[in-house]
C-alpha atoms as a PDB file:
ATOM      1  CA  MET A   1      16.852 -20.522  18.296  1.00  0.00           C
ATOM      2  CA  ASN A   2      18.069 -17.030  17.338  1.00  0.00           C
ATOM      3  CA  ASP A   3      15.743 -14.334  15.257  1.00  0.00           C
ATOM      4  CA  ILE A   4      17.814 -14.239  12.180  1.00  0.00           C
ATOM      5  CA  ILE A   5      18.029 -17.785  11.447  1.00  0.00           C
ATOM      6  CA  LYS A   6      14.656 -18.661  13.082  1.00  0.00           C
ATOM      7  CA  ALA A   7      13.362 -16.022  10.175  1.00  0.00           C
ATOM      8  CA  MET A   8      15.999 -17.671   7.355  1.00  0.00           C
ATOM      9  CA  GLU A   9      14.401 -21.012   8.281  1.00  0.00           C
ATOM     10  CA  THR A  10      10.479 -19.636   8.451  1.00  0.00           C
ATOM     11  CA  ARG A  11      10.473 -17.633   5.382  1.00  0.00           C
ATOM     12  CA  ARG A  12       8.594 -18.886   2.157  1.00  0.00           C
ATOM     13  CA  SER A  13       7.914 -17.884  -1.030  1.00  0.00           C
ATOM     14  CA  ILE A  14       4.046 -16.724  -1.376  1.00  0.00           C
ATOM     15  CA  ARG A  15       1.923 -16.868  -4.229  1.00  0.00           C
ATOM     16  CA  GLY A  16      -0.708 -15.191  -3.509  1.00  0.00           C
ATOM     17  CA  TYR A  17      -1.814 -11.542  -2.013  1.00  0.00           C
ATOM     18  CA  LYS A  18      -4.426  -9.883  -0.174  1.00  0.00           C
ATOM     19  CA  GLU A  19      -5.608  -6.237  -2.135  1.00  0.00           C
ATOM     20  CA  ASP A  20      -4.369  -4.257   1.021  1.00  0.00           C
ATOM     21  CA  MET A  21      -1.783  -1.651   0.405  1.00  0.00           C
ATOM     22  CA  VAL A  22       0.961  -2.508   2.524  1.00  0.00           C
ATOM     23  CA  PRO A  23       1.909   1.052   4.832  1.00  0.00           C
ATOM     24  CA  GLU A  24       4.236   2.897   3.514  1.00  0.00           C
ATOM     25  CA  GLU A  25       6.538   2.498   6.796  1.00  0.00           C
ATOM     26  CA  LEU A  26       7.256  -1.092   6.761  1.00  0.00           C
ATOM     27  CA  ILE A  27       7.775  -0.298   2.870  1.00  0.00           C
ATOM     28  CA  ALA A  28      10.610   1.758   4.273  1.00  0.00           C
ATOM     29  CA  GLU A  29      11.929  -0.965   6.585  1.00  0.00           C
ATOM     30  CA  VAL A  30      11.614  -3.499   3.978  1.00  0.00           C
ATOM     31  CA  VAL A  31      13.859  -1.162   1.344  1.00  0.00           C
ATOM     32  CA  GLU A  32      16.039   0.000   4.033  1.00  0.00           C
ATOM     33  CA  ALA A  33      17.109  -3.671   5.476  1.00  0.00           C
ATOM     34  CA  GLY A  34      17.715  -4.234   1.437  1.00  0.00           C
ATOM     35  CA  THR A  35      20.074  -1.243   1.774  1.00  0.00           C
ATOM     36  CA  TYR A  36      22.460  -3.063   3.788  1.00  0.00           C
ATOM     37  CA  ALA A  37      22.975  -5.778   2.127  1.00  0.00           C
ATOM     38  CA  ALA A  38      26.596  -6.939   1.505  1.00  0.00           C
ATOM     39  CA  THR A  39      28.124  -5.599  -1.714  1.00  0.00           C
ATOM     40  CA  GLY A  40      31.185  -6.462  -3.191  1.00  0.00           C
ATOM     41  CA  MET A  41      33.884  -4.431  -1.724  1.00  0.00           C
ATOM     42  CA  GLY A  42      31.104  -2.343  -0.371  1.00  0.00           C
ATOM     43  CA  ARG A  43      30.792  -0.086  -3.878  1.00  0.00           C
ATOM     44  CA  GLN A  44      26.675  -0.670  -3.636  1.00  0.00           C
ATOM     45  CA  SER A  45      25.905  -1.567  -6.974  1.00  0.00           C
ATOM     46  CA  PRO A  46      22.335  -2.201  -6.649  1.00  0.00           C
ATOM     47  CA  ILE A  47      19.255   0.458  -6.909  1.00  0.00           C
ATOM     48  CA  ILE A  48      16.070  -0.365  -5.680  1.00  0.00           C
ATOM     49  CA  LEU A  49      12.532   0.478  -7.030  1.00  0.00           C
ATOM     50  CA  ALA A  50       9.795   0.929  -4.714  1.00  0.00           C
ATOM     51  CA  VAL A  51       6.737   0.621  -6.959  1.00  0.00           C
ATOM     52  CA  THR A  52       3.322   1.161  -5.414  1.00  0.00           C
ATOM     53  CA  ASN A  53       1.845   3.168  -8.176  1.00  0.00           C
ATOM     54  CA  LYS A  54      -1.038   0.782  -9.436  1.00  0.00           C
ATOM     55  CA  GLU A  55      -0.226   1.882 -13.057  1.00  0.00           C
ATOM     56  CA  VAL A  56       3.100   1.105 -13.044  1.00  0.00           C
ATOM     57  CA  ARG A  57       2.862  -2.076 -11.145  1.00  0.00           C
ATOM     58  CA  ASP A  58       0.711  -3.121 -13.773  1.00  0.00           C
ATOM     59  CA  ARG A  59       3.078  -1.975 -16.482  1.00  0.00           C
ATOM     60  CA  LEU A  60       5.495  -4.196 -14.930  1.00  0.00           C
ATOM     61  CA  SER A  61       3.359  -6.570 -14.376  1.00  0.00           C
ATOM     62  CA  LYS A  62       1.795  -6.948 -18.591  1.00  0.00           C
ATOM     63  CA  VAL A  63       5.666  -6.964 -19.427  1.00  0.00           C
ATOM     64  CA  ASN A  64       6.578  -9.688 -17.351  1.00  0.00           C
ATOM     65  CA  ALA A  65       3.739 -11.756 -18.168  1.00  0.00           C
ATOM     66  CA  GLU A  66       4.357 -11.359 -22.063  1.00  0.00           C
ATOM     67  CA  ILE A  67       7.860 -12.567 -21.732  1.00  0.00           C
ATOM     68  CA  MET A  68       6.601 -15.423 -19.449  1.00  0.00           C
ATOM     69  CA  GLY A  69       4.210 -16.333 -22.406  1.00  0.00           C
ATOM     70  CA  THR A  70       0.902 -15.599 -20.075  1.00  0.00           C
ATOM     71  CA  THR A  71      -1.745 -12.794 -19.575  1.00  0.00           C
ATOM     72  CA  GLY A  72      -1.909 -14.080 -15.465  1.00  0.00           C
ATOM     73  CA  ASP A  73      -0.586 -11.450 -13.072  1.00  0.00           C
ATOM     74  CA  PRO A  74       2.939 -13.073 -12.585  1.00  0.00           C
ATOM     75  CA  PHE A  75       3.179 -11.087  -9.337  1.00  0.00           C
ATOM     76  CA  TYR A  76       0.177 -13.187  -7.763  1.00  0.00           C
ATOM     77  CA  GLY A  77      -1.833 -10.126  -6.768  1.00  0.00           C
ATOM     78  CA  ALA A  78       0.755  -8.286  -4.465  1.00  0.00           C
ATOM     79  CA  PRO A  79       0.381  -4.548  -4.303  1.00  0.00           C
ATOM     80  CA  VAL A  80       3.857  -3.730  -3.729  1.00  0.00           C
ATOM     81  CA  VAL A  81       7.022  -4.381  -6.462  1.00  0.00           C
ATOM     82  CA  LEU A  82      10.128  -3.949  -5.048  1.00  0.00           C
ATOM     83  CA  VAL A  83      12.445  -3.820  -8.561  1.00  0.00           C
ATOM     84  CA  VAL A  84      16.436  -4.295  -7.610  1.00  0.00           C
ATOM     85  CA  LEU A  85      18.804  -3.609 -10.014  1.00  0.00           C
ATOM     86  CA  ALA A  86      22.368  -3.624 -10.830  1.00  0.00           C
ATOM     87  CA  ASP A  87      25.035  -1.766 -12.155  1.00  0.00           C
ATOM     88  CA  LYS A  88      26.317  -3.467 -14.953  1.00  0.00           C
ATOM     89  CA  SER A  89      29.476  -1.881 -14.514  1.00  0.00           C
ATOM     90  CA  ARG A  90      30.512  -3.535 -11.008  1.00  0.00           C
ATOM     91  CA  PRO A  91      31.807  -7.067 -11.669  1.00  0.00           C
ATOM     92  CA  THR A  92      29.708  -8.270  -8.421  1.00  0.00           C
ATOM     93  CA  TYR A  93      26.233  -6.997  -9.389  1.00  0.00           C
ATOM     94  CA  LEU A  94      24.641  -9.679 -10.201  1.00  0.00           C
ATOM     95  CA  TYR A  95      25.925 -11.376  -5.972  1.00  0.00           C
ATOM     96  CA  ASP A  96      25.382  -7.526  -5.635  1.00  0.00           C
ATOM     97  CA  GLY A  97      21.768  -7.545  -6.388  1.00  0.00           C
ATOM     98  CA  SER A  98      20.454 -11.546  -5.655  1.00  0.00           C
ATOM     99  CA  LEU A  99      21.692 -10.544  -1.326  1.00  0.00           C
ATOM    100  CA  VAL A 100      19.428  -7.192  -1.959  1.00  0.00           C
ATOM    101  CA  MET A 101      16.541  -9.380  -2.879  1.00  0.00           C
ATOM    102  CA  GLY A 102      17.381 -12.103   0.123  1.00  0.00           C
ATOM    103  CA  ASN A 103      17.700  -8.793   2.421  1.00  0.00           C
ATOM    104  CA  LEU A 104      14.618  -7.585   1.428  1.00  0.00           C
ATOM    105  CA  MET A 105      12.329 -11.255   1.582  1.00  0.00           C
ATOM    106  CA  LEU A 106      13.847 -11.815   5.138  1.00  0.00           C
ATOM    107  CA  ALA A 107      12.991  -8.027   6.254  1.00  0.00           C
ATOM    108  CA  ALA A 108       9.381  -8.864   4.440  1.00  0.00           C
ATOM    109  CA  HIS A 109       8.933 -11.918   6.760  1.00  0.00           C
ATOM    110  CA  SER A 110      10.135 -10.865   9.767  1.00  0.00           C
ATOM    111  CA  LEU A 111       7.454  -7.833   9.475  1.00  0.00           C
ATOM    112  CA  GLY A 112       4.303 -10.374   8.772  1.00  0.00           C
ATOM    113  CA  LEU A 113       4.300  -9.473   5.413  1.00  0.00           C
ATOM    114  CA  GLY A 114       4.785 -12.271   2.724  1.00  0.00           C
ATOM    115  CA  SER A 115       7.411 -12.399  -0.430  1.00  0.00           C
ATOM    116  CA  CYS A 116       8.525 -13.944  -3.645  1.00  0.00           C
ATOM    117  CA  TRP A 117      11.320 -13.120  -5.927  1.00  0.00           C
ATOM    118  CA  ILE A 118       9.788 -13.079  -9.114  1.00  0.00           C
ATOM    119  CA  HIS A 119      12.018 -13.509 -12.352  1.00  0.00           C
ATOM    120  CA  ARG A 120      12.405 -11.955 -15.346  1.00  0.00           C
ATOM    121  CA  ALA A 121      13.654  -8.552 -14.792  1.00  0.00           C
ATOM    122  CA  LYS A 122      16.865  -8.636 -16.696  1.00  0.00           C
ATOM    123  CA  GLU A 123      14.613  -9.370 -19.922  1.00  0.00           C
ATOM    124  CA  THR A 124      12.029  -7.040 -18.902  1.00  0.00           C
ATOM    125  CA  PHE A 125      14.769  -3.841 -18.595  1.00  0.00           C
ATOM    126  CA  GLU A 126      16.263  -5.058 -22.003  1.00  0.00           C
ATOM    127  CA  ARG A 127      12.840  -4.466 -23.897  1.00  0.00           C
ATOM    128  CA  GLU A 128      11.678  -1.258 -25.357  1.00  0.00           C
ATOM    129  CA  GLU A 129       8.807  -1.185 -22.788  1.00  0.00           C
ATOM    130  CA  GLY A 130      11.402  -1.657 -19.860  1.00  0.00           C
ATOM    131  CA  LYS A 131      13.961   1.366 -20.890  1.00  0.00           C
ATOM    132  CA  ALA A 132      10.690   3.712 -21.348  1.00  0.00           C
ATOM    133  CA  ILE A 133       9.538   2.938 -17.504  1.00  0.00           C
ATOM    134  CA  LEU A 134      13.264   3.700 -16.738  1.00  0.00           C
ATOM    135  CA  LYS A 135      13.508   6.713 -18.494  1.00  0.00           C
ATOM    136  CA  GLU A 136       9.969   7.957 -17.616  1.00  0.00           C
ATOM    137  CA  LEU A 137      10.608   7.203 -13.557  1.00  0.00           C
ATOM    138  CA  GLY A 138      14.243   9.083 -14.460  1.00  0.00           C
ATOM    139  CA  ILE A 139      16.377   6.000 -13.704  1.00  0.00           C
ATOM    140  CA  GLU A 140      20.062   6.952 -15.800  1.00  0.00           C
ATOM    141  CA  GLY A 141      22.718   4.004 -16.064  1.00  0.00           C
ATOM    142  CA  ASP A 142      23.734   1.166 -17.102  1.00  0.00           C
ATOM    143  CA  TYR A 143      21.569  -1.230 -14.697  1.00  0.00           C
ATOM    144  CA  GLU A 144      20.530  -5.063 -14.997  1.00  0.00           C
ATOM    145  CA  GLY A 145      17.436  -5.997 -13.799  1.00  0.00           C
ATOM    146  CA  ILE A 146      18.585  -8.418 -11.062  1.00  0.00           C
ATOM    147  CA  GLY A 147      14.396  -9.827  -9.857  1.00  0.00           C
ATOM    148  CA  ASN A 148      11.426  -8.009  -8.752  1.00  0.00           C
ATOM    149  CA  CYS A 149      10.644  -8.796  -5.176  1.00  0.00           C
ATOM    150  CA  VAL A 150       6.815  -8.198  -4.530  1.00  0.00           C
ATOM    151  CA  ILE A 151       5.745  -8.385  -0.989  1.00  0.00           C
ATOM    152  CA  GLY A 152       2.426  -7.603   0.743  1.00  0.00           C
ATOM    153  CA  TYR A 153      -0.032  -9.350   3.135  1.00  0.00           C
ATOM    154  CA  ALA A 154      -0.871 -13.019   1.823  1.00  0.00           C
ATOM    155  CA  LYS A 155      -4.503 -14.710   1.335  1.00  0.00           C
ATOM    156  CA  GLU A 156      -2.819 -17.867   2.988  1.00  0.00           C
ATOM    157  CA  PRO A 157      -0.666 -19.335   5.349  1.00  0.00           C
ATOM    158  CA  ALA A 158       2.820 -20.044   4.295  1.00  0.00           C
ATOM    159  CA  LYS A 159       3.036 -24.184   3.857  1.00  0.00           C
ATOM    160  CA  ASP A 160       5.848 -26.002   5.261  1.00  0.00           C
ATOM    161  CA  ALA A 161       9.183 -26.133   4.104  1.00  0.00           C
ATOM    162  CA  ALA A 162      10.413 -29.135   2.365  1.00  0.00           C
ATOM    163  CA  PRO A 163      12.876 -31.487   3.832  1.00  0.00           C
ATOM    164  CA  ARG A 164      16.240 -30.564   3.417  1.00  0.00           C
ATOM    165  CA  LYS A 165      18.040 -32.878   1.001  1.00  0.00           C
ATOM    166  CA  THR A 166      20.571 -35.236   2.620  1.00  0.00           C
ATOM    167  CA  ASP A 167      23.419 -34.250   0.342  1.00  0.00           C
ATOM    168  CA  TYR A 168      22.911 -30.240   0.996  1.00  0.00           C
ATOM    169  CA  VAL A 169      26.012 -30.299   3.055  1.00  0.00           C
ATOM    170  CA  HIS A 170      29.925 -31.798   2.706  1.00  0.00           C
ATOM    171  CA  TYR A 171      31.735 -31.437   6.333  1.00  0.00           C
ATOM    172  CA  ILE A 172      35.608 -31.486   5.066  1.00  0.00           C
ATOM    173  CA  LYS A 173      37.358 -31.852   8.098  1.00  0.00           C
END
């Protein structure tokens, strides 16, 4: 089987991470793969914030948890959060950012890392706390949060895939 297709079929969302930090070289590989996602007219509307700073990571987790209505860590203990934002002035920004998220998760899996798409990035960066974080980081522009891709070393092996539903594909000949 083709390695890329195999990665697509075997990648799973990981919801429990070891505390071990991911080496910078691996983070860079994952992020680089994200930058090669297809974007509308090749305009590259997304940006990626590679957050390894524990204080910033924990602030993002806290805001995300508040939005979700909990006090737990919605990032499942992952030490790295790859925040994908996209320029709202581009008509394809939401799709562009979603494709970046897919590339990030597949790249992480191909390198032996776990990953999970954590929602509520949109709500995080609509809040004053989220806007303040972007300002502190020097991020300017009209961006919308697309997703948080958490990465790290899985605490446990991934579960097997659920069977695919029988009516997933309709061939029209």
